[in-house]
Amino acid sequence: MVVVNTDTGKMIAKLPIGRGSDAAASDPKRRHAFSSNGVDGTLSIIQEKDAQTFVLLGNLKTTVGARTMALDPETGRIHLVAADLEAPAANAAAGARRAIVPGSVKLLFLDPPKG
C-alpha cells in the first residue's frame, strides 16, 4: 500500500499488504487504513501515527475471496463480501479464478478495537 499526500503528490509511505487487494478504505476518525486481500484472505490494517508516519498493525485473517469492502465511517465497522469457492479444476491455470458455490454468499462484519 502506498500512502500519498494528495496536496503535493509526494509518497509518504509504502507498506506491505496481503495478496490480491481489491479494495482500500480509510477511517480518519480512528486513523486507520485498510486493504481487503482476497487471494490470501486477509485484511491489512495500517495505522496513522502522525501525518508522516504510517505502520502496518498486521494482517487479520478473513476468508479467501473476501475482497469487496465498505467502511461505516460512524462506527468504524468494516463489511466484507465473501462466498465459498469451489476447488480449482485439475487443469486450471495457476491463479485462475475459482467458481462460487451457489447460495454461499456471506457478509463479514469486523468491528474496530474498543478503547
N, C-alpha and C. Protein backbone atom coordinates (compact mmCIF):
# COMPACT_ATOMS: atom_id res chain seq x y z
N MET A 1 0.86 -1.17 0.00
CA MET A 1 0.00 0.00 0.00
C MET A 1 0.90 1.23 0.00
N VAL A 2 0.53 2.17 -0.84
CA VAL A 2 1.27 3.42 -0.92
C VAL A 2 0.40 4.52 -0.34
N VAL A 3 0.97 5.31 0.58
CA VAL A 3 0.29 6.46 1.16
C VAL A 3 0.87 7.70 0.50
N VAL A 4 -0.04 8.53 -0.06
CA VAL A 4 0.37 9.71 -0.82
C VAL A 4 -0.25 10.96 -0.21
N ASN A 5 0.53 12.04 -0.14
CA ASN A 5 0.00 13.34 0.24
C ASN A 5 -0.75 13.88 -0.98
N THR A 6 -2.07 14.00 -0.87
CA THR A 6 -2.86 14.40 -2.04
C THR A 6 -2.67 15.87 -2.42
N ASP A 7 -2.12 16.69 -1.53
CA ASP A 7 -1.85 18.08 -1.86
C ASP A 7 -0.58 18.23 -2.70
N THR A 8 0.45 17.42 -2.37
CA THR A 8 1.73 17.55 -3.05
C THR A 8 2.03 16.42 -4.04
N GLY A 9 1.33 15.30 -3.90
CA GLY A 9 1.62 14.13 -4.74
C GLY A 9 2.81 13.33 -4.25
N LYS A 10 3.41 13.74 -3.13
CA LYS A 10 4.59 13.07 -2.59
C LYS A 10 4.20 11.78 -1.88
N MET A 11 4.99 10.71 -2.13
CA MET A 11 4.77 9.45 -1.43
C MET A 11 5.27 9.59 0.00
N ILE A 12 4.41 9.23 0.95
CA ILE A 12 4.76 9.32 2.37
C ILE A 12 5.24 7.98 2.90
N ALA A 13 4.57 6.91 2.49
CA ALA A 13 4.93 5.58 3.00
C ALA A 13 4.57 4.52 1.98
N LYS A 14 5.29 3.41 2.05
CA LYS A 14 5.00 2.23 1.25
C LYS A 14 5.02 1.05 2.21
N LEU A 15 3.87 0.36 2.32
CA LEU A 15 3.72 -0.69 3.33
C LEU A 15 3.33 -2.01 2.68
N PRO A 16 3.80 -3.13 3.23
CA PRO A 16 3.42 -4.44 2.69
C PRO A 16 1.98 -4.77 3.09
N ILE A 17 1.24 -5.33 2.16
CA ILE A 17 -0.12 -5.78 2.43
C ILE A 17 -0.28 -7.19 1.87
N GLY A 18 -1.44 -7.79 2.10
CA GLY A 18 -1.71 -9.13 1.61
C GLY A 18 -1.85 -9.17 0.09
N ARG A 19 -1.98 -10.39 -0.45
CA ARG A 19 -2.06 -10.60 -1.90
C ARG A 19 -3.50 -10.50 -2.38
N GLY A 20 -3.67 -9.93 -3.56
CA GLY A 20 -4.97 -9.85 -4.19
C GLY A 20 -5.84 -8.74 -3.66
N SER A 21 -5.23 -7.58 -3.41
CA SER A 21 -6.00 -6.45 -2.90
C SER A 21 -7.08 -6.04 -3.90
N ASP A 22 -8.29 -5.86 -3.40
CA ASP A 22 -9.41 -5.46 -4.24
C ASP A 22 -9.93 -4.09 -3.84
N ALA A 23 -9.86 -3.78 -2.55
CA ALA A 23 -10.43 -2.53 -2.06
C ALA A 23 -9.54 -1.95 -0.98
N ALA A 24 -9.63 -0.64 -0.84
CA ALA A 24 -8.95 0.07 0.24
C ALA A 24 -9.94 1.04 0.85
N ALA A 25 -9.81 1.26 2.14
CA ALA A 25 -10.69 2.20 2.83
C ALA A 25 -9.86 2.94 3.88
N SER A 26 -10.31 4.16 4.16
CA SER A 26 -9.64 4.99 5.15
C SER A 26 -10.65 5.38 6.22
N ASP A 27 -10.23 5.29 7.47
CA ASP A 27 -11.06 5.68 8.61
C ASP A 27 -10.34 6.82 9.33
N PRO A 28 -10.58 8.08 8.90
CA PRO A 28 -9.86 9.20 9.50
C PRO A 28 -10.20 9.41 10.98
N LYS A 29 -11.39 9.02 11.39
CA LYS A 29 -11.80 9.18 12.79
C LYS A 29 -10.91 8.36 13.72
N ARG A 30 -10.55 7.14 13.30
CA ARG A 30 -9.72 6.24 14.11
C ARG A 30 -8.29 6.16 13.61
N ARG A 31 -8.01 6.87 12.52
CA ARG A 31 -6.67 6.96 11.92
C ARG A 31 -6.13 5.60 11.47
N HIS A 32 -7.01 4.87 10.74
CA HIS A 32 -6.63 3.58 10.17
C HIS A 32 -6.92 3.57 8.68
N ALA A 33 -6.16 2.75 7.96
CA ALA A 33 -6.43 2.45 6.56
C ALA A 33 -6.46 0.94 6.43
N PHE A 34 -7.22 0.45 5.46
CA PHE A 34 -7.42 -0.99 5.31
C PHE A 34 -7.28 -1.40 3.86
N SER A 35 -6.85 -2.63 3.65
CA SER A 35 -6.82 -3.25 2.33
C SER A 35 -7.41 -4.64 2.47
N SER A 36 -8.44 -4.95 1.68
CA SER A 36 -9.00 -6.30 1.67
C SER A 36 -8.27 -7.10 0.61
N ASN A 37 -7.77 -8.26 0.99
CA ASN A 37 -6.88 -9.06 0.15
C ASN A 37 -7.48 -10.44 -0.07
N GLY A 38 -8.18 -10.59 -1.19
CA GLY A 38 -8.94 -11.80 -1.44
C GLY A 38 -8.12 -13.05 -1.70
N VAL A 39 -6.94 -12.91 -2.28
CA VAL A 39 -6.14 -14.10 -2.62
C VAL A 39 -5.69 -14.82 -1.36
N ASP A 40 -5.18 -14.08 -0.38
CA ASP A 40 -4.73 -14.76 0.84
C ASP A 40 -5.74 -14.67 1.99
N GLY A 41 -6.88 -14.01 1.75
CA GLY A 41 -7.94 -13.96 2.75
C GLY A 41 -7.55 -13.19 4.00
N THR A 42 -7.07 -11.98 3.80
CA THR A 42 -6.68 -11.15 4.93
C THR A 42 -7.20 -9.72 4.76
N LEU A 43 -7.19 -9.00 5.86
CA LEU A 43 -7.46 -7.57 5.88
C LEU A 43 -6.22 -6.92 6.47
N SER A 44 -5.49 -6.15 5.66
CA SER A 44 -4.31 -5.44 6.15
C SER A 44 -4.78 -4.18 6.86
N ILE A 45 -4.20 -3.94 8.05
CA ILE A 45 -4.59 -2.80 8.87
C ILE A 45 -3.39 -1.90 9.07
N ILE A 46 -3.53 -0.65 8.63
CA ILE A 46 -2.48 0.35 8.71
C ILE A 46 -2.90 1.42 9.71
N GLN A 47 -1.98 1.87 10.56
CA GLN A 47 -2.29 2.94 11.50
C GLN A 47 -1.49 4.19 11.14
N GLU A 48 -2.17 5.33 11.19
CA GLU A 48 -1.52 6.62 11.01
C GLU A 48 -1.06 7.11 12.38
N LYS A 49 0.24 7.12 12.62
CA LYS A 49 0.79 7.63 13.88
C LYS A 49 0.75 9.15 13.89
N ASP A 50 1.17 9.74 12.77
CA ASP A 50 1.08 11.19 12.54
C ASP A 50 1.06 11.37 11.03
N ALA A 51 1.01 12.60 10.56
CA ALA A 51 0.85 12.86 9.12
C ALA A 51 1.98 12.29 8.26
N GLN A 52 3.11 11.97 8.86
CA GLN A 52 4.25 11.44 8.11
C GLN A 52 4.61 10.01 8.46
N THR A 53 3.88 9.38 9.40
CA THR A 53 4.26 8.05 9.88
C THR A 53 3.07 7.09 9.84
N PHE A 54 3.21 6.05 9.04
CA PHE A 54 2.19 5.02 8.90
C PHE A 54 2.84 3.67 9.15
N VAL A 55 2.17 2.80 9.93
CA VAL A 55 2.74 1.49 10.25
C VAL A 55 1.71 0.40 10.02
N LEU A 56 2.19 -0.76 9.61
CA LEU A 56 1.34 -1.92 9.44
C LEU A 56 1.10 -2.53 10.81
N LEU A 57 -0.17 -2.58 11.23
CA LEU A 57 -0.51 -3.22 12.51
C LEU A 57 -0.59 -4.72 12.35
N GLY A 58 -0.90 -5.18 11.14
CA GLY A 58 -0.96 -6.61 10.89
C GLY A 58 -1.96 -6.96 9.83
N ASN A 59 -2.05 -8.25 9.55
CA ASN A 59 -2.99 -8.78 8.57
C ASN A 59 -3.95 -9.71 9.30
N LEU A 60 -5.19 -9.27 9.42
CA LEU A 60 -6.22 -10.04 10.10
C LEU A 60 -6.78 -11.09 9.13
N LYS A 61 -6.85 -12.34 9.57
CA LYS A 61 -7.38 -13.42 8.73
C LYS A 61 -8.88 -13.22 8.55
N THR A 62 -9.34 -13.26 7.31
CA THR A 62 -10.77 -13.18 6.99
C THR A 62 -11.16 -14.50 6.35
N THR A 63 -11.32 -14.51 5.04
CA THR A 63 -11.56 -15.75 4.30
C THR A 63 -11.11 -15.52 2.86
N VAL A 64 -10.60 -16.55 2.23
CA VAL A 64 -10.16 -16.44 0.84
C VAL A 64 -11.34 -15.98 -0.01
N GLY A 65 -11.10 -14.99 -0.84
CA GLY A 65 -12.13 -14.45 -1.71
C GLY A 65 -12.83 -13.22 -1.15
N ALA A 66 -12.64 -12.90 0.14
CA ALA A 66 -13.27 -11.70 0.71
C ALA A 66 -12.50 -10.48 0.21
N ARG A 67 -13.11 -9.78 -0.75
CA ARG A 67 -12.42 -8.67 -1.40
C ARG A 67 -13.20 -7.37 -1.32
N THR A 68 -14.46 -7.42 -1.75
CA THR A 68 -15.26 -6.20 -1.80
C THR A 68 -15.51 -5.71 -0.38
N MET A 69 -15.23 -4.41 -0.14
CA MET A 69 -15.25 -3.89 1.22
C MET A 69 -15.98 -2.55 1.27
N ALA A 70 -16.62 -2.31 2.41
CA ALA A 70 -17.20 -0.99 2.72
C ALA A 70 -16.90 -0.70 4.18
N LEU A 71 -16.74 0.57 4.51
CA LEU A 71 -16.45 1.01 5.86
C LEU A 71 -17.54 1.97 6.32
N ASP A 72 -18.11 1.72 7.49
CA ASP A 72 -19.08 2.64 8.08
C ASP A 72 -18.29 3.70 8.83
N PRO A 73 -18.29 4.96 8.36
CA PRO A 73 -17.46 5.98 8.98
C PRO A 73 -17.86 6.34 10.41
N GLU A 74 -19.10 6.10 10.77
CA GLU A 74 -19.54 6.42 12.14
C GLU A 74 -19.05 5.39 13.15
N THR A 75 -19.20 4.11 12.83
CA THR A 75 -18.86 3.06 13.78
C THR A 75 -17.47 2.47 13.57
N GLY A 76 -16.90 2.65 12.37
CA GLY A 76 -15.63 2.03 12.04
C GLY A 76 -15.76 0.58 11.63
N ARG A 77 -16.99 0.09 11.57
CA ARG A 77 -17.24 -1.32 11.20
C ARG A 77 -16.92 -1.51 9.72
N ILE A 78 -16.22 -2.61 9.43
CA ILE A 78 -15.89 -2.97 8.05
C ILE A 78 -16.81 -4.10 7.63
N HIS A 79 -17.29 -4.01 6.40
CA HIS A 79 -18.13 -5.05 5.81
C HIS A 79 -17.35 -5.65 4.64
N LEU A 80 -17.24 -6.97 4.62
CA LEU A 80 -16.58 -7.69 3.53
C LEU A 80 -17.54 -8.71 2.95
N VAL A 81 -17.63 -8.75 1.64
CA VAL A 81 -18.46 -9.75 0.96
C VAL A 81 -17.58 -10.94 0.62
N ALA A 82 -18.08 -12.13 0.91
CA ALA A 82 -17.32 -13.35 0.64
C ALA A 82 -18.28 -14.46 0.22
N ALA A 83 -17.73 -15.55 -0.26
CA ALA A 83 -18.51 -16.73 -0.62
C ALA A 83 -17.57 -17.93 -0.58
N ASP A 84 -18.14 -19.09 -0.42
CA ASP A 84 -17.34 -20.31 -0.51
C ASP A 84 -16.95 -20.50 -1.96
N LEU A 85 -15.74 -21.00 -2.16
CA LEU A 85 -15.23 -21.20 -3.52
C LEU A 85 -15.07 -22.68 -3.80
N GLU A 86 -15.40 -23.07 -5.03
CA GLU A 86 -15.21 -24.46 -5.45
C GLU A 86 -13.72 -24.76 -5.56
N ALA A 87 -13.38 -26.02 -5.39
CA ALA A 87 -11.99 -26.43 -5.55
C ALA A 87 -11.56 -26.14 -6.98
N PRO A 88 -10.31 -25.74 -7.18
CA PRO A 88 -9.85 -25.47 -8.54
C PRO A 88 -9.87 -26.74 -9.39
N ALA A 89 -10.18 -26.58 -10.65
CA ALA A 89 -10.17 -27.71 -11.58
C ALA A 89 -8.75 -28.23 -11.71
N ALA A 90 -8.61 -29.51 -11.94
CA ALA A 90 -7.29 -30.14 -12.05
C ALA A 90 -6.44 -29.50 -13.14
N ASN A 91 -7.09 -29.02 -14.21
CA ASN A 91 -6.33 -28.45 -15.33
C ASN A 91 -6.35 -26.91 -15.30
N ALA A 92 -6.76 -26.31 -14.19
CA ALA A 92 -6.84 -24.85 -14.09
C ALA A 92 -5.44 -24.24 -14.08
N ALA A 93 -5.31 -23.10 -14.74
CA ALA A 93 -4.05 -22.37 -14.74
C ALA A 93 -3.80 -21.80 -13.34
N ALA A 94 -2.54 -21.66 -12.99
CA ALA A 94 -2.20 -21.09 -11.69
C ALA A 94 -2.82 -19.70 -11.57
N GLY A 95 -3.49 -19.45 -10.46
CA GLY A 95 -4.11 -18.15 -10.23
C GLY A 95 -5.47 -17.96 -10.88
N ALA A 96 -5.98 -19.01 -11.53
CA ALA A 96 -7.29 -18.91 -12.20
C ALA A 96 -8.37 -18.67 -11.15
N ARG A 97 -9.35 -17.87 -11.52
CA ARG A 97 -10.46 -17.57 -10.62
C ARG A 97 -11.32 -18.81 -10.42
N ARG A 98 -11.66 -19.09 -9.17
CA ARG A 98 -12.47 -20.26 -8.83
C ARG A 98 -13.94 -19.88 -8.80
N ALA A 99 -14.79 -20.82 -9.13
CA ALA A 99 -16.24 -20.59 -9.15
C ALA A 99 -16.78 -20.49 -7.73
N ILE A 100 -17.83 -19.67 -7.58
CA ILE A 100 -18.51 -19.52 -6.29
C ILE A 100 -19.50 -20.65 -6.10
N VAL A 101 -19.54 -21.20 -4.90
CA VAL A 101 -20.52 -22.22 -4.56
C VAL A 101 -21.88 -21.52 -4.46
N PRO A 102 -22.86 -21.95 -5.25
CA PRO A 102 -24.17 -21.29 -5.22
C PRO A 102 -24.76 -21.27 -3.80
N GLY A 103 -25.36 -20.12 -3.45
CA GLY A 103 -26.01 -19.97 -2.15
C GLY A 103 -25.08 -19.77 -0.97
N SER A 104 -23.80 -19.55 -1.22
CA SER A 104 -22.85 -19.44 -0.10
C SER A 104 -22.38 -18.02 0.19
N VAL A 105 -22.95 -17.04 -0.48
CA VAL A 105 -22.52 -15.65 -0.27
C VAL A 105 -22.80 -15.24 1.17
N LYS A 106 -21.84 -14.54 1.77
CA LYS A 106 -22.00 -14.08 3.15
C LYS A 106 -21.38 -12.69 3.31
N LEU A 107 -21.80 -12.00 4.35
CA LEU A 107 -21.29 -10.68 4.67
C LEU A 107 -20.56 -10.79 6.01
N LEU A 108 -19.27 -10.43 6.00
CA LEU A 108 -18.48 -10.45 7.22
C LEU A 108 -18.48 -9.06 7.83
N PHE A 109 -18.62 -8.95 9.15
CA PHE A 109 -18.58 -7.69 9.87
C PHE A 109 -17.35 -7.70 10.77
N LEU A 110 -16.55 -6.67 10.71
CA LEU A 110 -15.38 -6.55 11.56
C LEU A 110 -15.45 -5.21 12.27
N ASP A 111 -15.52 -5.24 13.59
CA ASP A 111 -15.60 -4.02 14.38
C ASP A 111 -14.22 -3.57 14.81
N PRO A 112 -14.01 -2.25 14.94
CA PRO A 112 -12.70 -1.76 15.41
C PRO A 112 -12.50 -2.13 16.87
N PRO A 113 -11.24 -2.18 17.30
CA PRO A 113 -11.00 -2.48 18.72
C PRO A 113 -11.58 -1.39 19.61
N LYS A 114 -12.02 -1.77 20.76
CA LYS A 114 -12.55 -0.80 21.74
C LYS A 114 -11.38 -0.18 22.51
N GLY A 115 -11.56 1.07 22.86
CA GLY A 115 -10.55 1.70 23.71
C GLY A 115 -9.78 2.73 23.08
